[in-house]
Amino acid sequence: MQKLVMEHTEVNPAFSGRGVGNALVMAAVAYARAQNIKINPVCPFAKMLFKKDESIRDVLFKERLIVS
């Protein structure tokens, strides 16, 4: 099984609070679904999104690491 490791997400401070980071993670989720791969979110921001949004956990690599 292939996986994508999200080590870090970074957004230009000028775009802070505009949902750009969320859009970045959601684009990775869409890519993972299209390519049939899993995501290992090491990045704290990405990990938080996976904890909050159950609808994207279908692409999560080892769900127990996020929800426990």
PDB file of N, CA and C in Angstrom:
ATOM      1  N   MET A   1       0.837  -1.183   0.000  1.00  0.00           N
ATOM      2  CA  MET A   1       0.000   0.000   0.000  1.00  0.00           C
ATOM      3  C   MET A   1       0.886   1.251   0.000  1.00  0.00           C
ATOM      4  N   GLN A   2       0.587   2.160  -0.906  1.00  0.00           N
ATOM      5  CA  GLN A   2       1.320   3.411  -0.937  1.00  0.00           C
ATOM      6  C   GLN A   2       0.711   4.384   0.052  1.00  0.00           C
ATOM      7  N   LYS A   3       1.564   5.267   0.578  1.00  0.00           N
ATOM      8  CA  LYS A   3       1.047   6.289   1.476  1.00  0.00           C
ATOM      9  C   LYS A   3       1.750   7.617   1.216  1.00  0.00           C
ATOM     10  N   LEU A   4       1.053   8.674   1.543  1.00  0.00           N
ATOM     11  CA  LEU A   4       1.549  10.023   1.439  1.00  0.00           C
ATOM     12  C   LEU A   4       1.765  10.521   2.867  1.00  0.00           C
ATOM     13  N   VAL A   5       2.959  10.989   3.170  1.00  0.00           N
ATOM     14  CA  VAL A   5       3.247  11.499   4.509  1.00  0.00           C
ATOM     15  C   VAL A   5       3.170  13.015   4.471  1.00  0.00           C
ATOM     16  N   MET A   6       2.258  13.560   5.250  1.00  0.00           N
ATOM     17  CA  MET A   6       2.134  15.021   5.353  1.00  0.00           C
ATOM     18  C   MET A   6       2.972  15.467   6.538  1.00  0.00           C
ATOM     19  N   GLU A   7       4.190  15.884   6.248  1.00  0.00           N
ATOM     20  CA  GLU A   7       5.115  16.282   7.312  1.00  0.00           C
ATOM     21  C   GLU A   7       4.861  17.692   7.820  1.00  0.00           C
ATOM     22  N   HIS A   8       4.474  18.575   6.910  1.00  0.00           N
ATOM     23  CA  HIS A   8       4.343  19.979   7.301  1.00  0.00           C
ATOM     24  C   HIS A   8       3.439  20.703   6.307  1.00  0.00           C
ATOM     25  N   THR A   9       2.563  21.523   6.807  1.00  0.00           N
ATOM     26  CA  THR A   9       1.803  22.417   5.945  1.00  0.00           C
ATOM     27  C   THR A   9       2.172  23.838   6.333  1.00  0.00           C
ATOM     28  N   GLU A  10       2.396  24.656   5.351  1.00  0.00           N
ATOM     29  CA  GLU A  10       2.783  26.043   5.630  1.00  0.00           C
ATOM     30  C   GLU A  10       2.052  26.962   4.666  1.00  0.00           C
ATOM     31  N   VAL A  11       1.515  28.029   5.217  1.00  0.00           N
ATOM     32  CA  VAL A  11       0.778  29.010   4.432  1.00  0.00           C
ATOM     33  C   VAL A  11       1.405  30.374   4.681  1.00  0.00           C
ATOM     34  N   ASN A  12       1.519  31.151   3.638  1.00  0.00           N
ATOM     35  CA  ASN A  12       2.028  32.505   3.760  1.00  0.00           C
ATOM     36  C   ASN A  12       1.198  33.250   4.805  1.00  0.00           C
ATOM     37  N   PRO A  13       1.841  33.945   5.751  1.00  0.00           N
ATOM     38  CA  PRO A  13       1.094  34.654   6.795  1.00  0.00           C
ATOM     39  C   PRO A  13       0.030  35.620   6.254  1.00  0.00           C
ATOM     40  N   ALA A  14       0.226  36.122   5.049  1.00  0.00           N
ATOM     41  CA  ALA A  14      -0.759  37.029   4.461  1.00  0.00           C
ATOM     42  C   ALA A  14      -2.099  36.333   4.232  1.00  0.00           C
ATOM     43  N   PHE A  15      -2.086  35.007   4.170  1.00  0.00           N
ATOM     44  CA  PHE A  15      -3.309  34.239   3.934  1.00  0.00           C
ATOM     45  C   PHE A  15      -3.824  33.553   5.198  1.00  0.00           C
ATOM     46  N   SER A  16      -3.247  33.866   6.329  1.00  0.00           N
ATOM     47  CA  SER A  16      -3.640  33.259   7.593  1.00  0.00           C
ATOM     48  C   SER A  16      -5.119  33.512   7.882  1.00  0.00           C
ATOM     49  N   GLY A  17      -5.804  32.450   8.324  1.00  0.00           N
ATOM     50  CA  GLY A  17      -7.211  32.563   8.692  1.00  0.00           C
ATOM     51  C   GLY A  17      -8.182  32.551   7.529  1.00  0.00           C
ATOM     52  N   ARG A  18      -7.703  32.278   6.327  1.00  0.00           N
ATOM     53  CA  ARG A  18      -8.575  32.294   5.151  1.00  0.00           C
ATOM     54  C   ARG A  18      -8.908  30.891   4.635  1.00  0.00           C
ATOM     55  N   GLY A  19      -8.531  29.865   5.383  1.00  0.00           N
ATOM     56  CA  GLY A  19      -8.872  28.502   4.991  1.00  0.00           C
ATOM     57  C   GLY A  19      -7.927  27.873   3.984  1.00  0.00           C
ATOM     58  N   VAL A  20      -6.784  28.512   3.750  1.00  0.00           N
ATOM     59  CA  VAL A  20      -5.840  28.001   2.764  1.00  0.00           C
ATOM     60  C   VAL A  20      -5.223  26.680   3.235  1.00  0.00           C
ATOM     61  N   GLY A  21      -4.877  26.596   4.511  1.00  0.00           N
ATOM     62  CA  GLY A  21      -4.321  25.354   5.055  1.00  0.00           C
ATOM     63  C   GLY A  21      -5.314  24.211   4.951  1.00  0.00           C
ATOM     64  N   ASN A  22      -6.557  24.497   5.260  1.00  0.00           N
ATOM     65  CA  ASN A  22      -7.614  23.494   5.142  1.00  0.00           C
ATOM     66  C   ASN A  22      -7.743  23.038   3.696  1.00  0.00           C
ATOM     67  N   ALA A  23      -7.724  23.984   2.765  1.00  0.00           N
ATOM     68  CA  ALA A  23      -7.833  23.649   1.343  1.00  0.00           C
ATOM     69  C   ALA A  23      -6.658  22.790   0.893  1.00  0.00           C
ATOM     70  N   LEU A  24      -5.486  23.065   1.428  1.00  0.00           N
ATOM     71  CA  LEU A  24      -4.293  22.284   1.098  1.00  0.00           C
ATOM     72  C   LEU A  24      -4.459  20.832   1.533  1.00  0.00           C
ATOM     73  N   VAL A  25      -4.921  20.626   2.754  1.00  0.00           N
ATOM     74  CA  VAL A  25      -5.130  19.265   3.255  1.00  0.00           C
ATOM     75  C   VAL A  25      -6.242  18.574   2.464  1.00  0.00           C
ATOM     76  N   MET A  26      -7.313  19.287   2.162  1.00  0.00           N
ATOM     77  CA  MET A  26      -8.414  18.680   1.418  1.00  0.00           C
ATOM     78  C   MET A  26      -7.995  18.318  -0.009  1.00  0.00           C
ATOM     79  N   ALA A  27      -7.102  19.093  -0.595  1.00  0.00           N
ATOM     80  CA  ALA A  27      -6.576  18.742  -1.921  1.00  0.00           C
ATOM     81  C   ALA A  27      -5.768  17.452  -1.839  1.00  0.00           C
ATOM     82  N   ALA A  28      -5.012  17.281  -0.759  1.00  0.00           N
ATOM     83  CA  ALA A  28      -4.250  16.046  -0.559  1.00  0.00           C
ATOM     84  C   ALA A  28      -5.198  14.864  -0.372  1.00  0.00           C
ATOM     85  N   VAL A  29      -6.303  15.076   0.339  1.00  0.00           N
ATOM     86  CA  VAL A  29      -7.308  14.024   0.529  1.00  0.00           C
ATOM     87  C   VAL A  29      -7.910  13.628  -0.818  1.00  0.00           C
ATOM     88  N   ALA A  30      -8.255  14.605  -1.640  1.00  0.00           N
ATOM     89  CA  ALA A  30      -8.818  14.314  -2.965  1.00  0.00           C
ATOM     90  C   ALA A  30      -7.811  13.545  -3.820  1.00  0.00           C
ATOM     91  N   TYR A  31      -6.555  13.943  -3.753  1.00  0.00           N
ATOM     92  CA  TYR A  31      -5.505  13.250  -4.502  1.00  0.00           C
ATOM     93  C   TYR A  31      -5.363  11.810  -4.021  1.00  0.00           C
ATOM     94  N   ALA A  32      -5.367  11.625  -2.700  1.00  0.00           N
ATOM     95  CA  ALA A  32      -5.230  10.281  -2.127  1.00  0.00           C
ATOM     96  C   ALA A  32      -6.394   9.385  -2.554  1.00  0.00           C
ATOM     97  N   ARG A  33      -7.575   9.934  -2.567  1.00  0.00           N
ATOM     98  CA  ARG A  33      -8.741   9.154  -3.016  1.00  0.00           C
ATOM     99  C   ARG A  33      -8.600   8.764  -4.484  1.00  0.00           C
ATOM    100  N   ALA A  34      -8.190   9.713  -5.310  1.00  0.00           N
ATOM    101  CA  ALA A  34      -8.069   9.450  -6.752  1.00  0.00           C
ATOM    102  C   ALA A  34      -6.979   8.427  -7.064  1.00  0.00           C
ATOM    103  N   GLN A  35      -5.937   8.428  -6.246  1.00  0.00           N
ATOM    104  CA  GLN A  35      -4.804   7.525  -6.480  1.00  0.00           C
ATOM    105  C   GLN A  35      -4.878   6.246  -5.643  1.00  0.00           C
ATOM    106  N   ASN A  36      -5.917   6.141  -4.808  1.00  0.00           N
ATOM    107  CA  ASN A  36      -6.095   4.983  -3.935  1.00  0.00           C
ATOM    108  C   ASN A  36      -4.882   4.772  -3.017  1.00  0.00           C
ATOM    109  N   ILE A  37      -4.485   5.848  -2.350  1.00  0.00           N
ATOM    110  CA  ILE A  37      -3.381   5.772  -1.394  1.00  0.00           C
ATOM    111  C   ILE A  37      -3.860   6.310  -0.047  1.00  0.00           C
ATOM    112  N   LYS A  38      -3.081   6.095   0.985  1.00  0.00           N
ATOM    113  CA  LYS A  38      -3.422   6.546   2.332  1.00  0.00           C
ATOM    114  C   LYS A  38      -2.525   7.718   2.734  1.00  0.00           C
ATOM    115  N   ILE A  39      -3.005   8.499   3.699  1.00  0.00           N
ATOM    116  CA  ILE A  39      -2.262   9.655   4.202  1.00  0.00           C
ATOM    117  C   ILE A  39      -1.854   9.405   5.645  1.00  0.00           C
ATOM    118  N   ASN A  40      -0.588   9.669   5.934  1.00  0.00           N
ATOM    119  CA  ASN A  40      -0.070   9.637   7.298  1.00  0.00           C
ATOM    120  C   ASN A  40       0.195  11.090   7.694  1.00  0.00           C
ATOM    121  N   PRO A  41      -0.723  11.720   8.449  1.00  0.00           N
ATOM    122  CA  PRO A  41      -0.558  13.126   8.792  1.00  0.00           C
ATOM    123  C   PRO A  41       0.350  13.335  10.010  1.00  0.00           C
ATOM    124  N   VAL A  42       1.594  13.618   9.760  1.00  0.00           N
ATOM    125  CA  VAL A  42       2.543  13.896  10.834  1.00  0.00           C
ATOM    126  C   VAL A  42       2.398  15.353  11.274  1.00  0.00           C
ATOM    127  N   CYS A  43       2.037  16.194  10.347  1.00  0.00           N
ATOM    128  CA  CYS A  43       1.839  17.627  10.605  1.00  0.00           C
ATOM    129  C   CYS A  43       0.726  17.821  11.637  1.00  0.00           C
ATOM    130  N   PRO A  44       0.972  18.601  12.691  1.00  0.00           N
ATOM    131  CA  PRO A  44      -0.067  18.804  13.719  1.00  0.00           C
ATOM    132  C   PRO A  44      -1.366  19.386  13.163  1.00  0.00           C
ATOM    133  N   PHE A  45      -1.279  20.305  12.204  1.00  0.00           N
ATOM    134  CA  PHE A  45      -2.486  20.892  11.624  1.00  0.00           C
ATOM    135  C   PHE A  45      -3.287  19.844  10.869  1.00  0.00           C
ATOM    136  N   ALA A  46      -2.613  19.082  10.029  1.00  0.00           N
ATOM    137  CA  ALA A  46      -3.304  18.033   9.269  1.00  0.00           C
ATOM    138  C   ALA A  46      -3.894  16.986  10.203  1.00  0.00           C
ATOM    139  N   LYS A  47      -3.148  16.618  11.221  1.00  0.00           N
ATOM    140  CA  LYS A  47      -3.633  15.632  12.193  1.00  0.00           C
ATOM    141  C   LYS A  47      -4.900  16.128  12.884  1.00  0.00           C
ATOM    142  N   MET A  48      -4.933  17.419  13.217  1.00  0.00           N
ATOM    143  CA  MET A  48      -6.102  18.006  13.860  1.00  0.00           C
ATOM    144  C   MET A  48      -7.320  17.942  12.929  1.00  0.00           C
ATOM    145  N   LEU A  49      -7.108  18.200  11.641  1.00  0.00           N
ATOM    146  CA  LEU A  49      -8.229  18.118  10.705  1.00  0.00           C
ATOM    147  C   LEU A  49      -8.777  16.698  10.605  1.00  0.00           C
ATOM    148  N   PHE A  50      -7.902  15.705  10.608  1.00  0.00           N
ATOM    149  CA  PHE A  50      -8.354  14.319  10.561  1.00  0.00           C
ATOM    150  C   PHE A  50      -9.108  13.949  11.844  1.00  0.00           C
ATOM    151  N   LYS A  51      -8.724  14.523  12.971  1.00  0.00           N
ATOM    152  CA  LYS A  51      -9.448  14.261  14.215  1.00  0.00           C
ATOM    153  C   LYS A  51     -10.844  14.877  14.169  1.00  0.00           C
ATOM    154  N   LYS A  52     -10.950  16.082  13.616  1.00  0.00           N
ATOM    155  CA  LYS A  52     -12.216  16.812  13.603  1.00  0.00           C
ATOM    156  C   LYS A  52     -13.201  16.312  12.549  1.00  0.00           C
ATOM    157  N   ASP A  53     -12.709  15.847  11.413  1.00  0.00           N
ATOM    158  CA  ASP A  53     -13.579  15.536  10.275  1.00  0.00           C
ATOM    159  C   ASP A  53     -13.539  14.043   9.932  1.00  0.00           C
ATOM    160  N   GLU A  54     -14.536  13.320  10.424  1.00  0.00           N
ATOM    161  CA  GLU A  54     -14.591  11.872  10.172  1.00  0.00           C
ATOM    162  C   GLU A  54     -14.751  11.534   8.699  1.00  0.00           C
ATOM    163  N   SER A  55     -15.262  12.454   7.909  1.00  0.00           N
ATOM    164  CA  SER A  55     -15.537  12.161   6.501  1.00  0.00           C
ATOM    165  C   SER A  55     -14.273  12.002   5.658  1.00  0.00           C
ATOM    166  N   ILE A  56     -13.139  12.395   6.190  1.00  0.00           N
ATOM    167  CA  ILE A  56     -11.892  12.250   5.421  1.00  0.00           C
ATOM    168  C   ILE A  56     -11.026  11.090   5.922  1.00  0.00           C
ATOM    169  N   ARG A  57     -11.513  10.395   6.907  1.00  0.00           N
ATOM    170  CA  ARG A  57     -10.710   9.307   7.487  1.00  0.00           C
ATOM    171  C   ARG A  57     -10.589   8.074   6.603  1.00  0.00           C
ATOM    172  N   ASP A  58     -11.335   8.036   5.504  1.00  0.00           N
ATOM    173  CA  ASP A  58     -11.217   6.887   4.609  1.00  0.00           C
ATOM    174  C   ASP A  58      -9.833   6.799   3.978  1.00  0.00           C
ATOM    175  N   VAL A  59      -9.101   7.909   3.939  1.00  0.00           N
ATOM    176  CA  VAL A  59      -7.754   7.904   3.372  1.00  0.00           C
ATOM    177  C   VAL A  59      -6.672   7.926   4.448  1.00  0.00           C
ATOM    178  N   LEU A  60      -7.083   7.800   5.689  1.00  0.00           N
ATOM    179  CA  LEU A  60      -6.142   7.866   6.807  1.00  0.00           C
ATOM    180  C   LEU A  60      -5.374   6.560   6.958  1.00  0.00           C
ATOM    181  N   PHE A  61      -4.066   6.663   7.079  1.00  0.00           N
ATOM    182  CA  PHE A  61      -3.207   5.511   7.328  1.00  0.00           C
ATOM    183  C   PHE A  61      -3.184   5.285   8.831  1.00  0.00           C
ATOM    184  N   LYS A  62      -3.648   4.131   9.267  1.00  0.00           N
ATOM    185  CA  LYS A  62      -3.699   3.762  10.685  1.00  0.00           C
ATOM    186  C   LYS A  62      -4.515   4.755  11.511  1.00  0.00           C
ATOM    187  N   GLU A  63      -5.815   4.685  11.355  1.00  0.00           N
ATOM    188  CA  GLU A  63      -6.735   5.595  12.036  1.00  0.00           C
ATOM    189  C   GLU A  63      -6.527   5.624  13.546  1.00  0.00           C
ATOM    190  N   ARG A  64      -6.144   4.532  14.129  1.00  0.00           N
ATOM    191  CA  ARG A  64      -5.991   4.480  15.588  1.00  0.00           C
ATOM    192  C   ARG A  64      -4.984   5.511  16.094  1.00  0.00           C
ATOM    193  N   LEU A  65      -4.052   5.935  15.257  1.00  0.00           N
ATOM    194  CA  LEU A  65      -3.069   6.929  15.680  1.00  0.00           C
ATOM    195  C   LEU A  65      -3.670   8.310  15.835  1.00  0.00           C
ATOM    196  N   ILE A  66      -4.802   8.547  15.203  1.00  0.00           N
ATOM    197  CA  ILE A  66      -5.434   9.861  15.225  1.00  0.00           C
ATOM    198  C   ILE A  66      -6.531   9.952  16.276  1.00  0.00           C
ATOM    199  N   VAL A  67      -7.364   8.960  16.354  1.00  0.00           N
ATOM    200  CA  VAL A  67      -8.553   9.056  17.194  1.00  0.00           C
ATOM    201  C   VAL A  67      -8.336   8.550  18.614  1.00  0.00           C
ATOM    202  N   SER A  68      -7.212   7.996  18.898  1.00  0.00           N
ATOM    203  CA  SER A  68      -6.998   7.488  20.268  1.00  0.00           C
ATOM    204  C   SER A  68      -6.512   8.568  21.195  1.00  0.00           C
TER     205      SER A  68
END
